[in-house]
Amino acid sequence: MRETLYDLISANKMKTWIFMVIFSLLLGFIGYIIVNLFNWGVGGYIMFAIFIIFYNLITYYYSDKIALASVGAKPADPYEFRVLHNVVEEVAIAGGIPKPKVYIINDPSPNAFATGRNPNNASIAVTTGLLLLMDRRELQGVIAHEVSHIRNYDILLMTIAAIMGGLIVLLRDFLFFFRPSRDEKDNGSGILFLIGILLAIISPILVALIRSAISRQREYLADASGAMIIRDPSALADALEKLLHFQKKMVNASSATAHLFIVNPFGEDRASFTGLFATHPPLEDRIRRLRSLII
C-alpha cells in the first residue's frame, strides 16, 4: 500500500508526540539522578519540573525570533521586495495557509528557511543571494518547499528536537561542573553519579542522530509536497541545481540553525554521500527524486 503525502504529514505529527514522550522521559530520568545526587528532596523535583516547563515555553514561543535574529534577518520591505512578497502570498494561498511573514538576510550565499510554531505564526527568510540567483519560477519552487515545512509542521518537530537537545546538554554541563561532594558520593551516590555522567554523555549524541535523521527525511517530504503545491517538480529541481554548484558558505549561519535552511549553509550536502549527523540529504539525490516525480 502506497503512502500519500497526507499519510506522511500525519506520520510527521505522530513523530512529534513520540519524540516528546521519549525525551521527556529521558529528561525526567536525568533530573531524578541530579535531584538524588544533591539530596534536594521533593523541592528539587518541583524546581526541576518548573524549570523544564518554563524552558519549553520560552523556546516554543520565541524560537522563531531567536533563529531570525541569529542570522541577521530583517523584515522585507513590501515595495523593495514586492516580487518576493507576491510569490510568498501566491504559494501560501496554493498551500492553504496564511501568508507567512517575509524576511531578508543580507548574505551573498543563496539560501532560505522557514520558522514558526504553526501556520498562523510562521516566517520565511531568504538571502539576497538567492533573489539574485533565481528566476521567478525557481523562486516559487524554493518558497513552495518552505511553505511545505510550515504546512507539514516540520518546524514544530525540529523545535521540539532542539528544545530537548538543549536541555540535555544543559543538564550534562551541570553534572560536569557541579559535582556532588565526596561525602555525598560515599553515601551510595557514586554509582548513580557514574550513570548520570554516562547518560549525559550519550544522550546528546543520541539526540543529534535522531534529529539529523528526521531533518533529512523532512527535506525529502518538503521537496515532494512543495512540488505538489505549485504542480511543478522541475522548478525546485532547477533551483537546487543552481545551489548545487554554489559553494560559498553563509556568514551568519551556525550548527544550531543549519537544519532550518533549504540547503546546508556550509555546503556539506554538495557531496554525493553524507554522514549520520548530516542535517540534509545529498543535493544530487534530492534533484534526482524531484526529476522522477510525476504530478
C-alpha atoms as a PDB file:
ATOM      1  CA  MET A   1       0.000   0.000   0.000  1.00  0.00           C
ATOM      2  CA  ARG A   2       1.494   3.334  -1.113  1.00  0.00           C
ATOM      3  CA  GLU A   3       1.607   6.253   1.328  1.00  0.00           C
ATOM      4  CA  THR A   4       0.086   9.571   0.317  1.00  0.00           C
ATOM      5  CA  LEU A   5       1.533  12.935   1.298  1.00  0.00           C
ATOM      6  CA  TYR A   6      -1.272  13.249   3.836  1.00  0.00           C
ATOM      7  CA  ASP A   7      -0.167   9.965   5.402  1.00  0.00           C
ATOM      8  CA  LEU A   8       3.383  11.327   5.653  1.00  0.00           C
ATOM      9  CA  ILE A   9       2.166  14.564   7.245  1.00  0.00           C
ATOM     10  CA  SER A  10       0.171  12.610   9.833  1.00  0.00           C
ATOM     11  CA  ALA A  11       3.228  10.452  10.490  1.00  0.00           C
ATOM     12  CA  ASN A  12       5.269  13.619  10.997  1.00  0.00           C
ATOM     13  CA  LYS A  13       2.844  14.847  13.660  1.00  0.00           C
ATOM     14  CA  MET A  14       2.920  11.425  15.335  1.00  0.00           C
ATOM     15  CA  LYS A  15       6.739  11.510  15.384  1.00  0.00           C
ATOM     16  CA  THR A  16       6.490  14.851  17.175  1.00  0.00           C
ATOM     17  CA  TRP A  17       4.499  13.348  20.033  1.00  0.00           C
ATOM     18  CA  ILE A  18       6.683  10.214  20.189  1.00  0.00           C
ATOM     19  CA  PHE A  19       9.783  12.397  20.296  1.00  0.00           C
ATOM     20  CA  MET A  20       8.287  14.492  23.097  1.00  0.00           C
ATOM     21  CA  VAL A  21       7.395  11.439  25.191  1.00  0.00           C
ATOM     22  CA  ILE A  22      10.737   9.642  24.754  1.00  0.00           C
ATOM     23  CA  PHE A  23      12.924  12.599  25.537  1.00  0.00           C
ATOM     24  CA  SER A  24      10.661  13.883  28.301  1.00  0.00           C
ATOM     25  CA  LEU A  25      11.186  10.508  29.987  1.00  0.00           C
ATOM     26  CA  LEU A  26      14.918  10.795  29.352  1.00  0.00           C
ATOM     27  CA  LEU A  27      14.993  14.290  30.819  1.00  0.00           C
ATOM     28  CA  GLY A  28      12.940  13.111  33.769  1.00  0.00           C
ATOM     29  CA  PHE A  29      15.417  10.316  34.472  1.00  0.00           C
ATOM     30  CA  ILE A  30      18.405  12.673  34.294  1.00  0.00           C
ATOM     31  CA  GLY A  31      16.525  15.064  36.602  1.00  0.00           C
ATOM     32  CA  TYR A  32      15.886  12.198  39.028  1.00  0.00           C
ATOM     33  CA  ILE A  33      19.615  11.441  39.109  1.00  0.00           C
ATOM     34  CA  ILE A  34      20.565  15.095  39.703  1.00  0.00           C
ATOM     35  CA  VAL A  35      17.991  15.622  42.471  1.00  0.00           C
ATOM     36  CA  ASN A  36      19.107  12.442  44.262  1.00  0.00           C
ATOM     37  CA  LEU A  37      22.801  13.167  43.848  1.00  0.00           C
ATOM     38  CA  PHE A  38      22.454  16.553  45.520  1.00  0.00           C
ATOM     39  CA  ASN A  39      19.829  15.449  48.059  1.00  0.00           C
ATOM     40  CA  TRP A  40      17.396  18.190  47.068  1.00  0.00           C
ATOM     41  CA  GLY A  41      14.321  16.207  48.107  1.00  0.00           C
ATOM     42  CA  VAL A  42      10.770  16.950  46.939  1.00  0.00           C
ATOM     43  CA  GLY A  43      11.555  20.625  46.478  1.00  0.00           C
ATOM     44  CA  GLY A  44      14.224  19.653  43.951  1.00  0.00           C
ATOM     45  CA  TYR A  45      11.699  17.740  41.828  1.00  0.00           C
ATOM     46  CA  ILE A  46       9.313  20.678  41.894  1.00  0.00           C
ATOM     47  CA  MET A  47      12.011  23.176  40.899  1.00  0.00           C
ATOM     48  CA  PHE A  48      13.264  20.849  38.153  1.00  0.00           C
ATOM     49  CA  ALA A  49       9.746  20.470  36.733  1.00  0.00           C
ATOM     50  CA  ILE A  50       9.172  24.248  36.822  1.00  0.00           C
ATOM     51  CA  PHE A  51      12.500  24.810  35.069  1.00  0.00           C
ATOM     52  CA  ILE A  52      11.632  22.383  32.236  1.00  0.00           C
ATOM     53  CA  ILE A  53       8.150  23.881  31.774  1.00  0.00           C
ATOM     54  CA  PHE A  54       9.463  27.450  31.545  1.00  0.00           C
ATOM     55  CA  TYR A  55      12.360  26.422  29.300  1.00  0.00           C
ATOM     56  CA  ASN A  56       9.953  24.655  26.929  1.00  0.00           C
ATOM     57  CA  LEU A  57       7.505  27.570  26.857  1.00  0.00           C
ATOM     58  CA  ILE A  58      10.176  30.196  26.227  1.00  0.00           C
ATOM     59  CA  THR A  59      11.819  28.148  23.476  1.00  0.00           C
ATOM     60  CA  TYR A  60       8.469  27.224  21.911  1.00  0.00           C
ATOM     61  CA  TYR A  61       7.213  30.797  21.710  1.00  0.00           C
ATOM     62  CA  TYR A  62      10.488  32.577  20.930  1.00  0.00           C
ATOM     63  CA  SER A  63      12.499  30.066  18.891  1.00  0.00           C
ATOM     64  CA  ASP A  64      11.473  31.759  15.622  1.00  0.00           C
ATOM     65  CA  LYS A  65      12.613  35.187  16.815  1.00  0.00           C
ATOM     66  CA  ILE A  66      15.880  33.700  18.083  1.00  0.00           C
ATOM     67  CA  ALA A  67      16.502  31.927  14.757  1.00  0.00           C
ATOM     68  CA  LEU A  68      15.761  35.048  12.699  1.00  0.00           C
ATOM     69  CA  ALA A  69      17.933  37.273  14.894  1.00  0.00           C
ATOM     70  CA  SER A  70      20.832  34.808  14.844  1.00  0.00           C
ATOM     71  CA  VAL A  71      21.199  35.090  11.060  1.00  0.00           C
ATOM     72  CA  GLY A  72      20.555  38.837  10.899  1.00  0.00           C
ATOM     73  CA  ALA A  73      17.165  38.542   9.172  1.00  0.00           C
ATOM     74  CA  LYS A  74      15.222  41.791   8.704  1.00  0.00           C
ATOM     75  CA  PRO A  75      11.586  42.314   7.606  1.00  0.00           C
ATOM     76  CA  ALA A  76      11.429  42.515   3.816  1.00  0.00           C
ATOM     77  CA  ASP A  77      10.159  45.879   2.613  1.00  0.00           C
ATOM     78  CA  PRO A  78       6.904  45.204   0.673  1.00  0.00           C
ATOM     79  CA  TYR A  79       7.840  47.689  -2.055  1.00  0.00           C
ATOM     80  CA  GLU A  80      11.522  46.879  -2.496  1.00  0.00           C
ATOM     81  CA  PHE A  81      10.863  43.123  -2.393  1.00  0.00           C
ATOM     82  CA  ARG A  82       7.390  43.129  -3.944  1.00  0.00           C
ATOM     83  CA  VAL A  83       8.145  40.135  -6.204  1.00  0.00           C
ATOM     84  CA  LEU A  84       9.202  38.065  -3.192  1.00  0.00           C
ATOM     85  CA  HIS A  85       6.103  39.116  -1.244  1.00  0.00           C
ATOM     86  CA  ASN A  86       3.925  38.278  -4.231  1.00  0.00           C
ATOM     87  CA  VAL A  87       5.467  34.819  -4.645  1.00  0.00           C
ATOM     88  CA  VAL A  88       5.150  34.048  -0.923  1.00  0.00           C
ATOM     89  CA  GLU A  89       1.492  35.127  -0.957  1.00  0.00           C
ATOM     90  CA  GLU A  90       0.516  33.122  -4.033  1.00  0.00           C
ATOM     91  CA  VAL A  91       2.299  29.967  -2.856  1.00  0.00           C
ATOM     92  CA  ALA A  92       0.775  30.305   0.628  1.00  0.00           C
ATOM     93  CA  ILE A  93      -2.686  30.566  -0.931  1.00  0.00           C
ATOM     94  CA  ALA A  94      -1.988  27.490  -3.050  1.00  0.00           C
ATOM     95  CA  GLY A  95      -0.752  25.674   0.058  1.00  0.00           C
ATOM     96  CA  GLY A  96      -3.827  26.647   2.080  1.00  0.00           C
ATOM     97  CA  ILE A  97      -2.020  28.540   4.834  1.00  0.00           C
ATOM     98  CA  PRO A  98      -1.968  32.225   5.884  1.00  0.00           C
ATOM     99  CA  LYS A  99       0.796  34.282   4.295  1.00  0.00           C
ATOM    100  CA  PRO A 100       3.931  33.944   6.454  1.00  0.00           C
ATOM    101  CA  LYS A 101       5.933  36.989   7.466  1.00  0.00           C
ATOM    102  CA  VAL A 102       8.705  37.687   4.967  1.00  0.00           C
ATOM    103  CA  TYR A 103      12.314  38.385   5.948  1.00  0.00           C
ATOM    104  CA  ILE A 104      15.533  39.180   4.106  1.00  0.00           C
ATOM    105  CA  ILE A 105      19.040  38.056   5.062  1.00  0.00           C
ATOM    106  CA  ASN A 106      21.809  40.229   3.630  1.00  0.00           C
ATOM    107  CA  ASP A 107      24.118  37.424   2.524  1.00  0.00           C
ATOM    108  CA  PRO A 108      25.504  36.612  -0.955  1.00  0.00           C
ATOM    109  CA  SER A 109      25.154  32.869  -0.341  1.00  0.00           C
ATOM    110  CA  PRO A 110      21.800  31.704  -1.781  1.00  0.00           C
ATOM    111  CA  ASN A 111      19.607  30.055   0.839  1.00  0.00           C
ATOM    112  CA  ALA A 112      16.228  30.217   2.582  1.00  0.00           C
ATOM    113  CA  PHE A 113      14.441  28.861   5.627  1.00  0.00           C
ATOM    114  CA  ALA A 114      11.089  28.837   7.370  1.00  0.00           C
ATOM    115  CA  THR A 115      10.438  29.120  11.079  1.00  0.00           C
ATOM    116  CA  GLY A 116       7.482  29.427  13.464  1.00  0.00           C
ATOM    117  CA  ARG A 117       5.487  27.140  15.701  1.00  0.00           C
ATOM    118  CA  ASN A 118       2.441  26.744  13.401  1.00  0.00           C
ATOM    119  CA  PRO A 119       0.977  28.056  10.104  1.00  0.00           C
ATOM    120  CA  ASN A 120      -0.582  31.038  11.894  1.00  0.00           C
ATOM    121  CA  ASN A 121       2.759  32.089  13.385  1.00  0.00           C
ATOM    122  CA  ALA A 122       5.285  31.435  10.638  1.00  0.00           C
ATOM    123  CA  SER A 123       8.024  33.328   8.818  1.00  0.00           C
ATOM    124  CA  ILE A 124      10.040  32.743   5.673  1.00  0.00           C
ATOM    125  CA  ALA A 125      13.504  34.247   5.272  1.00  0.00           C
ATOM    126  CA  VAL A 126      15.559  34.320   2.078  1.00  0.00           C
ATOM    127  CA  THR A 127      19.025  35.638   1.391  1.00  0.00           C
ATOM    128  CA  THR A 128      19.793  38.432  -1.051  1.00  0.00           C
ATOM    129  CA  GLY A 129      21.996  35.935  -2.850  1.00  0.00           C
ATOM    130  CA  LEU A 130      19.014  33.670  -3.512  1.00  0.00           C
ATOM    131  CA  LEU A 131      16.985  36.504  -5.030  1.00  0.00           C
ATOM    132  CA  LEU A 132      19.860  37.367  -7.393  1.00  0.00           C
ATOM    133  CA  LEU A 133      20.372  33.739  -8.457  1.00  0.00           C
ATOM    134  CA  MET A 134      16.807  32.521  -9.022  1.00  0.00           C
ATOM    135  CA  ASP A 135      14.240  33.439 -11.643  1.00  0.00           C
ATOM    136  CA  ARG A 136      10.599  33.759 -10.561  1.00  0.00           C
ATOM    137  CA  ARG A 137       9.714  30.129 -11.349  1.00  0.00           C
ATOM    138  CA  GLU A 138      12.680  28.778  -9.376  1.00  0.00           C
ATOM    139  CA  LEU A 139      11.870  31.161  -6.528  1.00  0.00           C
ATOM    140  CA  GLN A 140       8.371  29.674  -6.472  1.00  0.00           C
ATOM    141  CA  GLY A 141       9.911  26.225  -6.088  1.00  0.00           C
ATOM    142  CA  VAL A 142      12.040  27.350  -3.144  1.00  0.00           C
ATOM    143  CA  ILE A 143       9.148  29.130  -1.422  1.00  0.00           C
ATOM    144  CA  ALA A 144       6.873  26.125  -2.002  1.00  0.00           C
ATOM    145  CA  HIS A 145       9.456  23.973  -0.213  1.00  0.00           C
ATOM    146  CA  GLU A 146       9.438  26.362   2.765  1.00  0.00           C
ATOM    147  CA  VAL A 147       5.632  26.625   2.802  1.00  0.00           C
ATOM    148  CA  SER A 148       5.553  22.821   2.906  1.00  0.00           C
ATOM    149  CA  HIS A 149       7.726  22.825   6.020  1.00  0.00           C
ATOM    150  CA  ILE A 150       5.185  25.128   7.643  1.00  0.00           C
ATOM    151  CA  ARG A 151       2.145  23.192   6.452  1.00  0.00           C
ATOM    152  CA  ASN A 152       3.642  19.813   7.392  1.00  0.00           C
ATOM    153  CA  TYR A 153       4.504  21.008  10.934  1.00  0.00           C
ATOM    154  CA  ASP A 154       8.166  20.160  10.330  1.00  0.00           C
ATOM    155  CA  ILE A 155       9.221  23.286  12.204  1.00  0.00           C
ATOM    156  CA  LEU A 156       7.357  22.223  15.339  1.00  0.00           C
ATOM    157  CA  LEU A 157       9.074  18.842  15.219  1.00  0.00           C
ATOM    158  CA  MET A 158      12.554  20.330  14.843  1.00  0.00           C
ATOM    159  CA  THR A 159      11.848  22.977  17.500  1.00  0.00           C
ATOM    160  CA  ILE A 160      10.978  20.242  19.976  1.00  0.00           C
ATOM    161  CA  ALA A 161      14.118  18.344  18.965  1.00  0.00           C
ATOM    162  CA  ALA A 162      16.189  21.469  19.603  1.00  0.00           C
ATOM    163  CA  ILE A 163      14.477  22.057  22.966  1.00  0.00           C
ATOM    164  CA  MET A 164      15.156  18.526  24.142  1.00  0.00           C
ATOM    165  CA  GLY A 165      18.712  18.533  22.873  1.00  0.00           C
ATOM    166  CA  GLY A 166      19.435  21.872  24.512  1.00  0.00           C
ATOM    167  CA  LEU A 167      18.038  20.738  27.848  1.00  0.00           C
ATOM    168  CA  ILE A 168      20.082  17.548  27.857  1.00  0.00           C
ATOM    169  CA  VAL A 169      23.264  19.494  27.078  1.00  0.00           C
ATOM    170  CA  LEU A 170      22.463  21.925  29.917  1.00  0.00           C
ATOM    171  CA  LEU A 171      21.997  19.053  32.354  1.00  0.00           C
ATOM    172  CA  ARG A 172      25.191  17.400  31.122  1.00  0.00           C
ATOM    173  CA  ASP A 173      27.141  20.602  31.787  1.00  0.00           C
ATOM    174  CA  PHE A 174      25.506  20.891  35.204  1.00  0.00           C
ATOM    175  CA  LEU A 175      26.684  17.392  36.140  1.00  0.00           C
ATOM    176  CA  PHE A 176      30.205  18.123  34.917  1.00  0.00           C
ATOM    177  CA  PHE A 177      30.654  21.453  36.700  1.00  0.00           C
ATOM    178  CA  PHE A 178      28.611  20.934  39.880  1.00  0.00           C
ATOM    179  CA  ARG A 179      29.627  17.509  41.073  1.00  0.00           C
ATOM    180  CA  PRO A 180      28.378  16.245  44.440  1.00  0.00           C
ATOM    181  CA  SER A 181      30.819  16.324  47.352  1.00  0.00           C
ATOM    182  CA  ARG A 182      32.942  13.310  48.327  1.00  0.00           C
ATOM    183  CA  ASP A 183      30.692  12.701  51.349  1.00  0.00           C
ATOM    184  CA  GLU A 184      27.615  12.564  49.130  1.00  0.00           C
ATOM    185  CA  LYS A 185      29.363  10.031  46.874  1.00  0.00           C
ATOM    186  CA  ASP A 186      30.353   7.926  49.887  1.00  0.00           C
ATOM    187  CA  ASN A 187      26.695   7.803  50.899  1.00  0.00           C
ATOM    188  CA  GLY A 188      25.915   5.496  48.000  1.00  0.00           C
ATOM    189  CA  SER A 189      25.637   8.050  45.218  1.00  0.00           C
ATOM    190  CA  GLY A 190      28.825   7.050  43.386  1.00  0.00           C
ATOM    191  CA  ILE A 191      27.165   4.581  41.021  1.00  0.00           C
ATOM    192  CA  LEU A 192      24.262   6.955  40.411  1.00  0.00           C
ATOM    193  CA  PHE A 193      26.741   9.722  39.567  1.00  0.00           C
ATOM    194  CA  LEU A 194      28.549   7.482  37.050  1.00  0.00           C
ATOM    195  CA  ILE A 195      25.227   6.522  35.446  1.00  0.00           C
ATOM    196  CA  GLY A 196      24.275  10.183  35.228  1.00  0.00           C
ATOM    197  CA  ILE A 197      27.586  11.134  33.608  1.00  0.00           C
ATOM    198  CA  LEU A 198      27.350   8.236  31.127  1.00  0.00           C
ATOM    199  CA  LEU A 199      23.759   9.110  30.245  1.00  0.00           C
ATOM    200  CA  ALA A 200      24.614  12.797  29.951  1.00  0.00           C
ATOM    201  CA  ILE A 201      27.422  11.961  27.502  1.00  0.00           C
ATOM    202  CA  ILE A 202      25.421   9.520  25.378  1.00  0.00           C
ATOM    203  CA  SER A 203      22.111  11.406  25.303  1.00  0.00           C
ATOM    204  CA  PRO A 204      23.272  14.446  23.261  1.00  0.00           C
ATOM    205  CA  ILE A 205      24.783  12.085  20.684  1.00  0.00           C
ATOM    206  CA  LEU A 206      21.527  10.131  20.502  1.00  0.00           C
ATOM    207  CA  VAL A 207      19.503  13.333  20.167  1.00  0.00           C
ATOM    208  CA  ALA A 208      21.816  14.599  17.397  1.00  0.00           C
ATOM    209  CA  LEU A 209      21.490  11.327  15.468  1.00  0.00           C
ATOM    210  CA  ILE A 210      17.688  11.284  15.689  1.00  0.00           C
ATOM    211  CA  ARG A 211      17.393  14.993  14.927  1.00  0.00           C
ATOM    212  CA  SER A 212      19.611  14.633  11.847  1.00  0.00           C
ATOM    213  CA  ALA A 213      17.702  11.588  10.581  1.00  0.00           C
ATOM    214  CA  ILE A 214      14.348  13.375  10.996  1.00  0.00           C
ATOM    215  CA  SER A 215      15.755  16.506   9.350  1.00  0.00           C
ATOM    216  CA  ARG A 216      16.901  14.576   6.275  1.00  0.00           C
ATOM    217  CA  GLN A 217      13.521  12.889   5.868  1.00  0.00           C
ATOM    218  CA  ARG A 218      11.616  16.153   6.258  1.00  0.00           C
ATOM    219  CA  GLU A 219      13.657  17.662   3.419  1.00  0.00           C
ATOM    220  CA  TYR A 220      12.517  14.900   1.073  1.00  0.00           C
ATOM    221  CA  LEU A 221       8.911  15.385   2.208  1.00  0.00           C
ATOM    222  CA  ALA A 222       9.062  19.171   1.771  1.00  0.00           C
ATOM    223  CA  ASP A 223      10.527  18.738  -1.730  1.00  0.00           C
ATOM    224  CA  ALA A 224       7.691  16.440  -2.768  1.00  0.00           C
ATOM    225  CA  SER A 225       4.851  18.358  -1.139  1.00  0.00           C
ATOM    226  CA  GLY A 226       6.254  21.671  -2.390  1.00  0.00           C
ATOM    227  CA  ALA A 227       6.243  20.290  -5.926  1.00  0.00           C
ATOM    228  CA  MET A 228       2.613  19.286  -5.432  1.00  0.00           C
ATOM    229  CA  ILE A 229       1.641  22.795  -4.267  1.00  0.00           C
ATOM    230  CA  ILE A 230       2.865  24.507  -7.440  1.00  0.00           C
ATOM    231  CA  ARG A 231       2.382  21.443  -9.689  1.00  0.00           C
ATOM    232  CA  ASP A 232       5.937  21.803 -10.996  1.00  0.00           C
ATOM    233  CA  PRO A 233       8.661  19.476  -9.610  1.00  0.00           C
ATOM    234  CA  SER A 234      11.253  20.827 -12.045  1.00  0.00           C
ATOM    235  CA  ALA A 235      11.009  24.359 -10.588  1.00  0.00           C
ATOM    236  CA  LEU A 236      12.631  23.299  -7.309  1.00  0.00           C
ATOM    237  CA  ALA A 237      14.889  20.803  -9.116  1.00  0.00           C
ATOM    238  CA  ASP A 238      16.257  23.621 -11.286  1.00  0.00           C
ATOM    239  CA  ALA A 239      16.736  25.809  -8.193  1.00  0.00           C
ATOM    240  CA  LEU A 240      18.601  23.030  -6.384  1.00  0.00           C
ATOM    241  CA  GLU A 241      20.775  22.513  -9.471  1.00  0.00           C
ATOM    242  CA  LYS A 242      21.935  26.120  -9.149  1.00  0.00           C
ATOM    243  CA  LEU A 243      22.523  25.725  -5.414  1.00  0.00           C
ATOM    244  CA  LEU A 244      24.499  22.530  -6.036  1.00  0.00           C
ATOM    245  CA  HIS A 245      27.178  24.481  -7.887  1.00  0.00           C
ATOM    246  CA  PHE A 246      27.307  27.407  -5.430  1.00  0.00           C
ATOM    247  CA  GLN A 247      29.932  26.668  -2.779  1.00  0.00           C
ATOM    248  CA  LYS A 248      30.226  29.900  -0.769  1.00  0.00           C
ATOM    249  CA  LYS A 249      29.276  29.476   2.894  1.00  0.00           C
ATOM    250  CA  MET A 250      26.831  31.708   4.723  1.00  0.00           C
ATOM    251  CA  VAL A 251      28.356  34.308   7.012  1.00  0.00           C
ATOM    252  CA  ASN A 252      25.978  34.164   9.991  1.00  0.00           C
ATOM    253  CA  ALA A 253      24.895  30.519   9.879  1.00  0.00           C
ATOM    254  CA  SER A 254      25.744  28.171  12.739  1.00  0.00           C
ATOM    255  CA  SER A 255      25.367  24.493  13.502  1.00  0.00           C
ATOM    256  CA  ALA A 256      22.372  25.379  15.702  1.00  0.00           C
ATOM    257  CA  THR A 257      20.418  26.787  12.740  1.00  0.00           C
ATOM    258  CA  ALA A 258      21.880  24.750   9.844  1.00  0.00           C
ATOM    259  CA  HIS A 259      18.976  22.279   9.823  1.00  0.00           C
ATOM    260  CA  LEU A 260      16.490  25.094   9.107  1.00  0.00           C
ATOM    261  CA  PHE A 261      17.836  26.019   5.672  1.00  0.00           C
ATOM    262  CA  ILE A 262      16.756  24.564   2.333  1.00  0.00           C
ATOM    263  CA  VAL A 263      20.381  23.546   1.717  1.00  0.00           C
ATOM    264  CA  ASN A 264      23.187  23.170   4.223  1.00  0.00           C
ATOM    265  CA  PRO A 265      24.724  26.649   4.706  1.00  0.00           C
ATOM    266  CA  PHE A 266      28.202  25.100   4.965  1.00  0.00           C
ATOM    267  CA  GLY A 267      27.939  23.153   1.714  1.00  0.00           C
ATOM    268  CA  GLU A 268      28.045  19.733   3.380  1.00  0.00           C
ATOM    269  CA  ASP A 269      25.184  18.383   1.242  1.00  0.00           C
ATOM    270  CA  ARG A 270      27.041  19.019  -2.038  1.00  0.00           C
ATOM    271  CA  ALA A 271      28.842  15.678  -1.664  1.00  0.00           C
ATOM    272  CA  SER A 272      27.334  12.505  -3.126  1.00  0.00           C
ATOM    273  CA  PHE A 273      27.261  10.933   0.353  1.00  0.00           C
ATOM    274  CA  THR A 274      26.512  12.473   3.746  1.00  0.00           C
ATOM    275  CA  GLY A 275      27.160  11.068   7.217  1.00  0.00           C
ATOM    276  CA  LEU A 276      24.812  10.079  10.028  1.00  0.00           C
ATOM    277  CA  PHE A 277      24.989  13.550  11.582  1.00  0.00           C
ATOM    278  CA  ALA A 278      24.161  15.359   8.321  1.00  0.00           C
ATOM    279  CA  THR A 279      21.095  17.624   8.537  1.00  0.00           C
ATOM    280  CA  HIS A 280      20.417  17.454   4.777  1.00  0.00           C
ATOM    281  CA  PRO A 281      20.426  14.582   2.271  1.00  0.00           C
ATOM    282  CA  PRO A 282      22.755  14.914  -0.748  1.00  0.00           C
ATOM    283  CA  LEU A 283      21.519  17.583  -3.146  1.00  0.00           C
ATOM    284  CA  GLU A 284      22.062  15.284  -6.114  1.00  0.00           C
ATOM    285  CA  ASP A 285      19.693  12.733  -4.587  1.00  0.00           C
ATOM    286  CA  ARG A 286      17.022  15.371  -3.917  1.00  0.00           C
ATOM    287  CA  ILE A 287      17.285  16.601  -7.506  1.00  0.00           C
ATOM    288  CA  ARG A 288      17.030  13.048  -8.850  1.00  0.00           C
ATOM    289  CA  ARG A 289      13.901  12.376  -6.799  1.00  0.00           C
ATOM    290  CA  LEU A 290      12.266  15.599  -7.986  1.00  0.00           C
ATOM    291  CA  ARG A 291      13.069  14.831 -11.620  1.00  0.00           C
ATOM    292  CA  SER A 292      11.375  11.451 -11.250  1.00  0.00           C
ATOM    293  CA  LEU A 293       8.130  12.888  -9.791  1.00  0.00           C
ATOM    294  CA  ILE A 294       5.000  12.790 -11.944  1.00  0.00           C
ATOM    295  CA  ILE A 295       2.242  15.218 -10.928  1.00  0.00           C
END
